[in-house]
Amino acid sequence: MIRLNSTVTDQCNFYGNTNPISLVNDFGSPLYVYNEGIIRERAREMKNLSTYKNFRVNYSAKANSSIALLQIVCSEGLDVEAMSAGEIAAELEAGFKPENILYISNNVSVDEMKFAIDKNVTISVDSLSQLEQYGRTNPGGRVAVRFNPGVGAGHHEKVVTGGSETKFGVNPEYAPEVKAIVEKYNLKLVGINHHIGSLFMDESPYLEGAANMFKLAVNFKDLEFVDLGGGFGVPYDKQGGEKRLDLKSLGAKLDAFINEFIKNYGKEIVVKIEPGRYISAESGVLLGRVHATKFNGPNKYVGTDLGMSTFLRPAMYDSVHNVEVYRESGSSDTALEEVTIVGNICETGDIVAKNLNLPKIVEGDVVGVLDAGAYGFVMSSNYNNRLRPAEVLIRENGQPILIRERDTIEGLLKPFKKITI
């Protein structure tokens, strides 16, 4: 196999005892590939972010809810958060205990609340009306409330979850109403949480949000935890030399915030964070086969099977991902040319990456989209009746194993019911 520009995956021996061409030949294309060692390393970095003894890490399953990855995260001693009944079910299946799951609900039905209640999972609500609904559904129960920290951050406006332009959270000025509803239904307010957004590389907004939450927390007695949310970013432009998030600096400043809060609060309650992307993003590479190349005017397009049904982030968020090129045999010329990599979906916006300088790509090559382990497969769909890809895990011993089977045509059609014509 010829690696035309594989510096990033070579440096960490991402593919272990195998290689991208063999993986695609054995498991098909497109294909999500994850590296167990990277997941474990990132989980440990988050666990060690703070020195506070009651510091806990809640993995955000919405970034990647593959059962195998959840098992790995669970084995590292992390807690987990859920955004749906389906995520709760997957987390329990992976080995998490109910007390280690925080269900951060958003505009959910009574039935979905009852599902979590019946599973003994703590629920966080993010509006006064949902708090009322919880109170009517489970009077005397334990509940958490998501507040709006008043500050937001993220790589795209669609992922900013704090501040004035977001649907999430209860504004702090409604704290008295929260207390009134809690008293009305004899609820136990066990925690408060927030989230500023996804993918921050500057620590300042996160620390500002944390300070705001700690100021709010002192108004609620007998809390069991304060959850400071997440959004910890990773460098998506590794080939361009993008710097990593400075965890040493962030951790030291976070420790100072936590220690001051605990001193003022008078109890050593649990302080949580919610990294999802940080743990899973860099553990994943999405492999796809090149099926066509062509020029439209001055623009060269490389046509792959990596449609937006397989990988939605670039189309939805204008996200940027580095790409590596692999070749089974033939020329090893690494001279660069500017190309736009596109997929196989009938949409003009079906673009994987724009205007990249890559080694000349030919039909049959395999491309690897880096840092695809977060918000990759979980956002895939059957749009255009395309089949969702398989998922493979490179174990710490370097061996690849299948952790999710590829969709089949039979499975795709099974839920449909024909009518009489």
Protein backbone atom coordinates (compact mmCIF):
# COMPACT_ATOMS: atom_id res chain seq x y z
CA MET A 1 0.00 0.00 0.00
CA ILE A 2 1.16 3.53 -0.83
CA ARG A 3 0.60 6.27 1.75
CA LEU A 4 0.65 9.56 -0.14
CA ASN A 5 0.20 11.99 2.80
CA SER A 6 -0.40 10.00 5.96
CA THR A 7 1.76 11.85 8.49
CA VAL A 8 -1.03 12.27 11.05
CA THR A 9 -2.11 8.63 11.20
CA ASP A 10 1.48 7.38 10.85
CA GLN A 11 2.61 9.33 13.92
CA CYS A 12 0.11 7.57 16.18
CA ASN A 13 0.11 4.22 14.33
CA PHE A 14 -3.62 4.74 13.97
CA TYR A 15 -4.31 1.60 11.92
CA GLY A 16 -2.33 -0.76 14.15
CA ASN A 17 -1.47 -4.05 12.44
CA THR A 18 -3.54 -3.29 9.34
CA ASN A 19 -3.88 -0.46 6.80
CA PRO A 20 -6.66 1.57 5.15
CA ILE A 21 -6.69 -0.40 1.90
CA SER A 22 -6.98 -3.73 3.71
CA LEU A 23 -9.74 -2.37 5.95
CA VAL A 24 -11.81 -1.19 2.99
CA ASN A 25 -11.22 -4.46 1.13
CA ASP A 26 -12.24 -6.48 4.19
CA PHE A 27 -15.12 -4.42 5.60
CA GLY A 28 -16.33 -2.35 2.65
CA SER A 29 -16.57 1.34 1.89
CA PRO A 30 -17.44 3.79 3.32
CA LEU A 31 -16.11 2.71 6.71
CA TYR A 32 -15.75 4.33 10.12
CA VAL A 33 -12.56 3.23 11.87
CA TYR A 34 -11.83 3.95 15.55
CA ASN A 35 -8.66 3.55 17.57
CA GLU A 36 -9.13 2.22 21.12
CA GLY A 37 -5.83 3.59 22.42
CA ILE A 38 -6.69 7.15 21.44
CA ILE A 39 -10.10 6.96 23.14
CA ARG A 40 -8.51 5.77 26.35
CA GLU A 41 -5.78 8.43 26.21
CA ARG A 42 -8.29 11.25 25.76
CA ALA A 43 -10.53 9.90 28.53
CA ARG A 44 -7.57 9.89 30.94
CA GLU A 45 -6.61 13.44 29.96
CA MET A 46 -10.10 14.60 30.91
CA LYS A 47 -10.09 12.61 34.18
CA ASN A 48 -6.84 14.32 35.13
CA LEU A 49 -7.93 17.83 34.12
CA SER A 50 -8.65 18.81 37.73
CA THR A 51 -7.04 17.78 41.01
CA TYR A 52 -10.29 18.25 42.95
CA LYS A 53 -11.11 14.92 44.63
CA ASN A 54 -14.82 14.94 43.67
CA PHE A 55 -14.19 15.85 40.03
CA ARG A 56 -16.15 13.67 37.59
CA VAL A 57 -16.22 13.40 33.80
CA ASN A 58 -19.52 12.85 31.98
CA TYR A 59 -18.85 11.52 28.47
CA SER A 60 -21.35 13.05 26.01
CA ALA A 61 -22.78 10.05 24.18
CA LYS A 62 -24.34 12.21 21.48
CA ALA A 63 -20.85 12.64 20.02
CA ASN A 64 -20.51 8.90 19.48
CA SER A 65 -22.90 6.35 20.97
CA SER A 66 -21.40 3.17 19.52
CA ILE A 67 -21.84 0.47 22.17
CA ALA A 68 -18.18 -0.58 21.93
CA LEU A 69 -16.94 2.99 22.47
CA LEU A 70 -19.33 3.40 25.40
CA GLN A 71 -17.90 0.20 26.90
CA ILE A 72 -14.37 1.61 26.62
CA VAL A 73 -15.38 4.91 28.21
CA CYS A 74 -17.19 3.05 31.00
CA SER A 75 -14.13 0.87 31.66
CA GLU A 76 -12.06 4.05 32.10
CA GLY A 77 -14.27 5.02 35.04
CA LEU A 78 -16.12 7.90 33.40
CA ASP A 79 -19.78 8.77 33.87
CA VAL A 80 -22.01 9.48 30.89
CA GLU A 81 -24.78 11.80 29.82
CA ALA A 82 -27.76 11.02 27.59
CA MET A 83 -29.97 13.13 25.36
CA SER A 84 -32.67 10.53 24.63
CA ALA A 85 -34.23 7.28 25.79
CA GLY A 86 -32.25 5.51 23.08
CA GLU A 87 -28.97 6.82 24.47
CA ILE A 88 -29.98 5.75 27.98
CA ALA A 89 -30.69 2.25 26.68
CA ALA A 90 -27.33 2.10 24.86
CA GLU A 91 -25.47 3.28 27.96
CA LEU A 92 -27.10 0.69 30.20
CA GLU A 93 -26.30 -1.97 27.60
CA ALA A 94 -22.66 -0.82 27.64
CA GLY A 95 -22.42 -1.34 31.40
CA PHE A 96 -23.08 2.08 32.92
CA LYS A 97 -25.09 2.01 36.13
CA PRO A 98 -28.14 4.29 36.39
CA GLU A 99 -26.43 6.45 39.03
CA ASN A 100 -23.63 7.19 36.53
CA ILE A 101 -26.02 8.50 33.85
CA LEU A 102 -27.31 12.08 33.64
CA TYR A 103 -30.22 12.50 31.23
CA ILE A 104 -30.07 16.08 29.93
CA SER A 105 -33.52 16.36 28.42
CA ASN A 106 -34.79 18.96 25.99
CA ASN A 107 -38.51 19.45 25.28
CA VAL A 108 -39.40 15.81 25.90
CA SER A 109 -42.68 14.01 26.42
CA VAL A 110 -44.07 12.63 29.65
CA ASP A 111 -43.46 9.12 28.29
CA GLU A 112 -39.76 9.86 27.76
CA MET A 113 -39.46 11.29 31.26
CA LYS A 114 -41.16 8.18 32.64
CA PHE A 115 -38.66 5.99 30.78
CA ALA A 116 -35.75 7.68 32.55
CA ILE A 117 -37.55 7.70 35.90
CA ASP A 118 -38.30 3.98 35.60
CA LYS A 119 -34.61 3.35 34.86
CA ASN A 120 -33.60 5.33 38.00
CA VAL A 121 -31.67 7.84 35.90
CA THR A 122 -31.31 11.45 37.09
CA ILE A 123 -33.05 13.91 34.77
CA SER A 124 -32.00 17.48 34.05
CA VAL A 125 -34.74 19.74 32.67
CA ASP A 126 -34.13 22.99 30.81
CA SER A 127 -37.30 25.04 31.19
CA LEU A 128 -39.80 25.93 33.89
CA SER A 129 -42.58 24.15 31.98
CA GLN A 130 -40.50 20.95 31.78
CA LEU A 131 -39.78 21.24 35.50
CA GLU A 132 -43.53 21.49 36.09
CA GLN A 133 -44.07 18.44 33.88
CA TYR A 134 -41.44 16.50 35.82
CA GLY A 135 -43.06 17.53 39.11
CA ARG A 136 -46.49 16.33 37.98
CA THR A 137 -44.98 13.11 36.64
CA ASN A 138 -42.71 12.27 39.57
CA PRO A 139 -43.64 14.29 42.69
CA GLY A 140 -41.03 13.91 45.41
CA GLY A 141 -38.40 12.93 42.84
CA ARG A 142 -34.79 13.94 42.31
CA VAL A 143 -34.16 16.43 39.51
CA ALA A 144 -31.49 18.71 38.06
CA VAL A 145 -32.00 21.97 36.15
CA ARG A 146 -30.07 23.24 33.17
CA PHE A 147 -29.41 26.97 33.33
CA ASN A 148 -28.29 29.35 30.62
CA PRO A 149 -24.81 30.58 31.64
CA GLY A 150 -25.20 33.86 29.74
CA VAL A 151 -22.18 33.14 27.56
CA GLY A 152 -21.83 30.99 24.47
CA ALA A 153 -19.03 29.65 22.30
CA GLY A 154 -18.60 27.23 19.41
CA HIS A 155 -17.20 26.66 15.95
CA HIS A 156 -20.56 27.45 14.27
CA GLU A 157 -23.68 29.38 15.25
CA LYS A 158 -25.67 26.13 15.21
CA VAL A 159 -23.64 24.66 18.08
CA VAL A 160 -23.60 27.66 20.44
CA THR A 161 -25.77 26.55 23.37
CA GLY A 162 -25.41 29.47 25.80
CA GLY A 163 -26.23 33.16 25.67
CA SER A 164 -29.26 35.02 24.36
CA GLU A 165 -29.59 33.30 20.97
CA THR A 166 -30.21 29.71 22.03
CA LYS A 167 -33.14 27.47 22.92
CA PHE A 168 -31.35 25.90 25.89
CA GLY A 169 -31.54 26.46 29.62
CA VAL A 170 -33.37 28.49 32.24
CA ASN A 171 -32.18 32.06 32.61
CA PRO A 172 -30.67 32.70 36.08
CA GLU A 173 -33.24 35.39 36.91
CA TYR A 174 -35.84 32.61 37.07
CA ALA A 175 -34.07 30.90 39.98
CA PRO A 176 -36.90 31.89 42.40
CA GLU A 177 -39.45 30.24 40.10
CA VAL A 178 -37.31 27.11 40.02
CA LYS A 179 -37.28 27.02 43.81
CA ALA A 180 -41.06 27.52 43.92
CA ILE A 181 -41.76 24.62 41.55
CA VAL A 182 -39.33 22.39 43.44
CA GLU A 183 -41.17 23.19 46.68
CA LYS A 184 -44.61 22.80 45.06
CA TYR A 185 -43.91 19.19 44.06
CA ASN A 186 -41.64 18.34 47.01
CA LEU A 187 -38.75 17.73 44.61
CA LYS A 188 -35.10 17.35 45.56
CA LEU A 189 -32.92 19.64 43.43
CA VAL A 190 -29.75 17.54 43.22
CA GLY A 191 -27.77 19.51 40.66
CA ILE A 192 -27.49 22.33 38.18
CA ASN A 193 -25.78 22.18 34.81
CA HIS A 194 -25.05 24.26 31.73
CA HIS A 195 -23.27 24.10 28.37
CA ILE A 196 -21.76 27.02 26.43
CA GLY A 197 -21.39 25.25 23.07
CA SER A 198 -19.20 22.89 21.12
CA LEU A 199 -15.54 23.12 20.12
CA PHE A 200 -13.85 25.92 22.02
CA MET A 201 -10.07 26.32 21.63
CA ASP A 202 -9.92 29.48 23.77
CA GLU A 203 -10.49 28.71 27.44
CA SER A 204 -11.87 32.16 28.32
CA PRO A 205 -15.59 31.62 27.50
CA TYR A 206 -15.60 28.26 29.28
CA LEU A 207 -14.11 29.73 32.43
CA GLU A 208 -16.54 32.65 32.28
CA GLY A 209 -19.44 30.22 32.06
CA ALA A 210 -18.04 28.19 34.97
CA ALA A 211 -17.75 31.33 37.11
CA ASN A 212 -21.36 32.21 36.34
CA MET A 213 -22.54 28.73 37.31
CA PHE A 214 -20.68 28.76 40.59
CA LYS A 215 -22.19 32.16 41.44
CA LEU A 216 -25.64 30.71 40.73
CA ALA A 217 -25.01 27.49 42.65
CA VAL A 218 -24.53 29.24 46.00
CA ASN A 219 -28.23 30.19 45.85
CA PHE A 220 -29.25 26.52 46.02
CA LYS A 221 -28.55 24.63 49.24
CA ASP A 222 -27.89 20.88 49.42
CA LEU A 223 -26.87 20.38 45.80
CA GLU A 224 -25.07 17.12 45.07
CA PHE A 225 -23.33 18.36 41.94
CA VAL A 226 -22.59 21.28 39.65
CA ASP A 227 -22.04 20.33 36.00
CA LEU A 228 -19.88 22.82 34.08
CA GLY A 229 -20.65 21.39 30.64
CA GLY A 230 -18.10 20.91 27.92
CA GLY A 231 -17.32 21.78 24.34
CA PHE A 232 -13.60 21.00 24.67
CA GLY A 233 -12.13 21.39 21.20
CA VAL A 234 -9.62 19.36 19.22
CA PRO A 235 -7.29 20.62 16.45
CA TYR A 236 -9.03 19.71 13.20
CA ASP A 237 -6.23 21.19 11.08
CA LYS A 238 -3.37 19.00 12.24
CA GLN A 239 -1.78 19.05 8.79
CA GLY A 240 -1.66 22.85 9.10
CA GLY A 241 -0.06 22.76 12.54
CA GLU A 242 -3.09 23.82 14.60
CA LYS A 243 -2.27 23.85 18.31
CA ARG A 244 -4.02 21.66 20.87
CA LEU A 245 -6.17 23.01 23.68
CA ASP A 246 -3.87 23.89 26.59
CA LEU A 247 -5.21 21.49 29.22
CA LYS A 248 -2.51 22.37 31.75
CA SER A 249 -3.52 26.03 31.74
CA LEU A 250 -7.25 25.27 31.69
CA GLY A 251 -6.95 22.72 34.50
CA ALA A 252 -5.01 25.04 36.79
CA LYS A 253 -7.52 27.86 36.34
CA LEU A 254 -10.45 25.47 36.73
CA ASP A 255 -8.97 24.17 39.98
CA ALA A 256 -8.80 27.71 41.34
CA PHE A 257 -12.48 28.29 40.44
CA ILE A 258 -13.54 24.99 42.02
CA ASN A 259 -11.58 25.51 45.25
CA GLU A 260 -13.01 28.99 45.72
CA PHE A 261 -16.55 27.73 45.11
CA ILE A 262 -16.22 24.78 47.49
CA LYS A 263 -14.88 27.09 50.17
CA ASN A 264 -17.91 29.38 49.76
CA TYR A 265 -20.44 26.54 49.45
CA GLY A 266 -19.22 24.74 52.54
CA LYS A 267 -19.57 21.21 51.17
CA GLU A 268 -17.30 19.16 48.91
CA ILE A 269 -19.97 18.36 46.34
CA VAL A 270 -19.29 16.76 42.95
CA VAL A 271 -18.12 18.98 40.09
CA LYS A 272 -18.69 17.52 36.61
CA ILE A 273 -17.61 18.34 33.06
CA GLU A 274 -19.09 17.04 29.78
CA PRO A 275 -16.47 16.34 27.11
CA GLY A 276 -17.82 14.33 24.20
CA ARG A 277 -16.01 15.50 21.11
CA TYR A 278 -12.67 15.72 22.92
CA ILE A 279 -12.73 12.03 23.81
CA SER A 280 -14.04 10.56 20.56
CA ALA A 281 -13.24 12.93 17.66
CA GLU A 282 -9.58 12.10 17.13
CA SER A 283 -10.22 8.39 17.63
CA GLY A 284 -12.07 8.15 14.31
CA VAL A 285 -11.15 8.19 10.63
CA LEU A 286 -13.77 7.82 7.90
CA LEU A 287 -12.51 5.86 4.89
CA GLY A 288 -14.07 6.14 1.44
CA ARG A 289 -13.34 4.99 -2.09
CA VAL A 290 -12.76 7.36 -5.02
CA HIS A 291 -15.02 6.46 -7.95
CA ALA A 292 -14.64 9.45 -10.29
CA THR A 293 -12.59 12.57 -11.00
CA LYS A 294 -13.51 15.42 -13.31
CA PHE A 295 -13.14 19.11 -14.07
CA ASN A 296 -16.05 21.53 -14.09
CA GLY A 297 -14.41 24.67 -15.42
CA PRO A 298 -11.20 25.25 -13.46
CA ASN A 299 -12.36 23.14 -10.51
CA LYS A 300 -11.30 19.53 -10.10
CA TYR A 301 -13.83 17.36 -8.29
CA VAL A 302 -12.99 14.06 -6.67
CA GLY A 303 -16.12 11.91 -6.46
CA THR A 304 -16.31 9.48 -3.53
CA ASP A 305 -18.86 7.32 -1.71
CA LEU A 306 -18.62 9.69 1.29
CA GLY A 307 -21.95 11.39 0.79
CA MET A 308 -23.60 13.68 3.32
CA SER A 309 -25.73 10.71 4.41
CA THR A 310 -22.50 9.17 5.69
CA PHE A 311 -20.83 12.33 7.01
CA LEU A 312 -23.04 15.38 7.54
CA ARG A 313 -20.75 17.78 9.43
CA PRO A 314 -19.22 19.62 6.43
CA ALA A 315 -22.63 20.24 4.84
CA MET A 316 -24.35 21.19 8.09
CA TYR A 317 -21.63 23.12 9.91
CA ASP A 318 -19.12 24.08 7.17
CA SER A 319 -16.67 22.03 9.23
CA VAL A 320 -13.10 21.53 8.02
CA HIS A 321 -11.39 18.12 8.17
CA ASN A 322 -7.94 17.11 7.00
CA VAL A 323 -7.81 14.33 4.42
CA GLU A 324 -5.23 11.64 3.76
CA VAL A 325 -4.86 9.68 0.51
CA TYR A 326 -3.97 5.98 0.24
CA ARG A 327 -3.28 3.90 -2.89
CA GLU A 328 -3.13 0.15 -3.31
CA SER A 329 -0.47 0.25 -6.01
CA GLY A 330 0.85 2.42 -8.82
CA SER A 331 2.32 5.90 -8.75
CA SER A 332 3.67 7.31 -5.50
CA ASP A 333 3.89 10.86 -6.86
CA THR A 334 3.09 13.33 -4.08
CA ALA A 335 2.93 16.48 -6.21
CA LEU A 336 -0.01 18.56 -4.96
CA GLU A 337 -3.10 19.79 -6.79
CA GLU A 338 -6.16 21.66 -5.58
CA VAL A 339 -9.31 19.55 -5.43
CA THR A 340 -12.78 19.53 -3.94
CA ILE A 341 -13.89 16.19 -2.54
CA VAL A 342 -17.58 15.44 -3.02
CA GLY A 343 -19.98 12.59 -2.27
CA ASN A 344 -22.66 10.57 -4.03
CA ILE A 345 -25.82 12.37 -2.84
CA CYS A 346 -28.04 14.39 -5.17
CA GLU A 347 -27.34 17.72 -3.44
CA THR A 348 -25.05 20.57 -4.49
CA GLY A 349 -24.05 20.90 -0.86
CA ASP A 350 -22.80 17.30 -0.75
CA ILE A 351 -19.19 18.36 -0.24
CA VAL A 352 -16.68 16.66 2.07
CA ALA A 353 -13.87 19.19 1.73
CA LYS A 354 -13.30 22.26 -0.46
CA ASN A 355 -10.17 23.45 -2.21
CA LEU A 356 -7.68 21.11 -0.56
CA ASN A 357 -4.12 20.76 -1.76
CA LEU A 358 -3.64 17.00 -1.97
CA PRO A 359 -1.48 14.55 -3.90
CA LYS A 360 -3.05 13.78 -7.29
CA ILE A 361 -6.00 11.48 -6.67
CA VAL A 362 -7.10 8.80 -9.15
CA GLU A 363 -10.02 6.41 -9.34
CA GLY A 364 -9.66 3.53 -6.90
CA ASP A 365 -7.76 5.52 -4.28
CA VAL A 366 -8.99 5.52 -0.71
CA VAL A 367 -9.34 8.80 1.17
CA GLY A 368 -9.36 9.12 4.95
CA VAL A 369 -11.27 11.95 6.59
CA LEU A 370 -9.49 12.63 9.87
CA ASP A 371 -11.01 13.39 13.27
CA ALA A 372 -14.36 11.88 12.27
CA GLY A 373 -15.02 10.08 15.56
CA ALA A 374 -17.41 12.72 16.89
CA TYR A 375 -20.72 13.64 15.25
CA GLY A 376 -19.90 11.32 12.37
CA PHE A 377 -21.79 8.06 12.35
CA VAL A 378 -24.31 9.33 14.92
CA MET A 379 -25.51 11.94 12.38
CA SER A 380 -25.57 9.55 9.42
CA SER A 381 -28.84 8.67 7.70
CA ASN A 382 -30.41 6.69 4.90
CA TYR A 383 -31.01 9.80 2.77
CA ASN A 384 -31.29 8.82 -0.91
CA ASN A 385 -31.86 5.31 0.55
CA ARG A 386 -28.11 5.01 1.01
CA LEU A 387 -26.85 2.39 3.45
CA ARG A 388 -25.13 3.51 6.61
CA PRO A 389 -21.55 2.25 6.85
CA ALA A 390 -19.99 -0.34 9.11
CA GLU A 391 -17.85 0.61 12.11
CA VAL A 392 -14.53 -1.04 12.96
CA LEU A 393 -12.40 -0.73 16.10
CA ILE A 394 -8.61 -1.05 16.13
CA ARG A 395 -7.95 -2.72 19.48
CA GLU A 396 -4.94 -1.81 21.62
CA ASN A 397 -3.22 -4.95 20.32
CA GLY A 398 -3.48 -3.51 16.79
CA GLN A 399 -6.14 -5.90 15.55
CA PRO A 400 -9.31 -4.63 13.82
CA ILE A 401 -12.74 -5.91 14.87
CA LEU A 402 -16.20 -5.17 13.49
CA ILE A 403 -18.32 -3.31 16.05
CA ARG A 404 -21.31 -2.43 13.87
CA GLU A 405 -22.51 -4.13 10.74
CA ARG A 406 -23.18 -2.20 7.54
CA ASP A 407 -26.83 -1.59 6.68
CA THR A 408 -28.37 -3.97 4.17
CA ILE A 409 -30.98 -3.37 1.48
CA GLU A 410 -33.21 -5.93 3.21
CA GLY A 411 -32.91 -4.10 6.52
CA LEU A 412 -33.55 -0.77 4.82
CA LEU A 413 -36.85 -1.97 3.33
CA LYS A 414 -38.07 -4.03 6.29
CA PRO A 415 -39.89 -1.27 8.24
CA PHE A 416 -41.98 -0.23 5.22
CA LYS A 417 -45.52 -1.52 4.66
CA LYS A 418 -46.85 -1.85 1.13
CA ILE A 419 -50.37 -0.77 0.34
CA THR A 420 -53.00 -2.28 -1.93
CA ILE A 421 -53.17 -0.59 -5.33
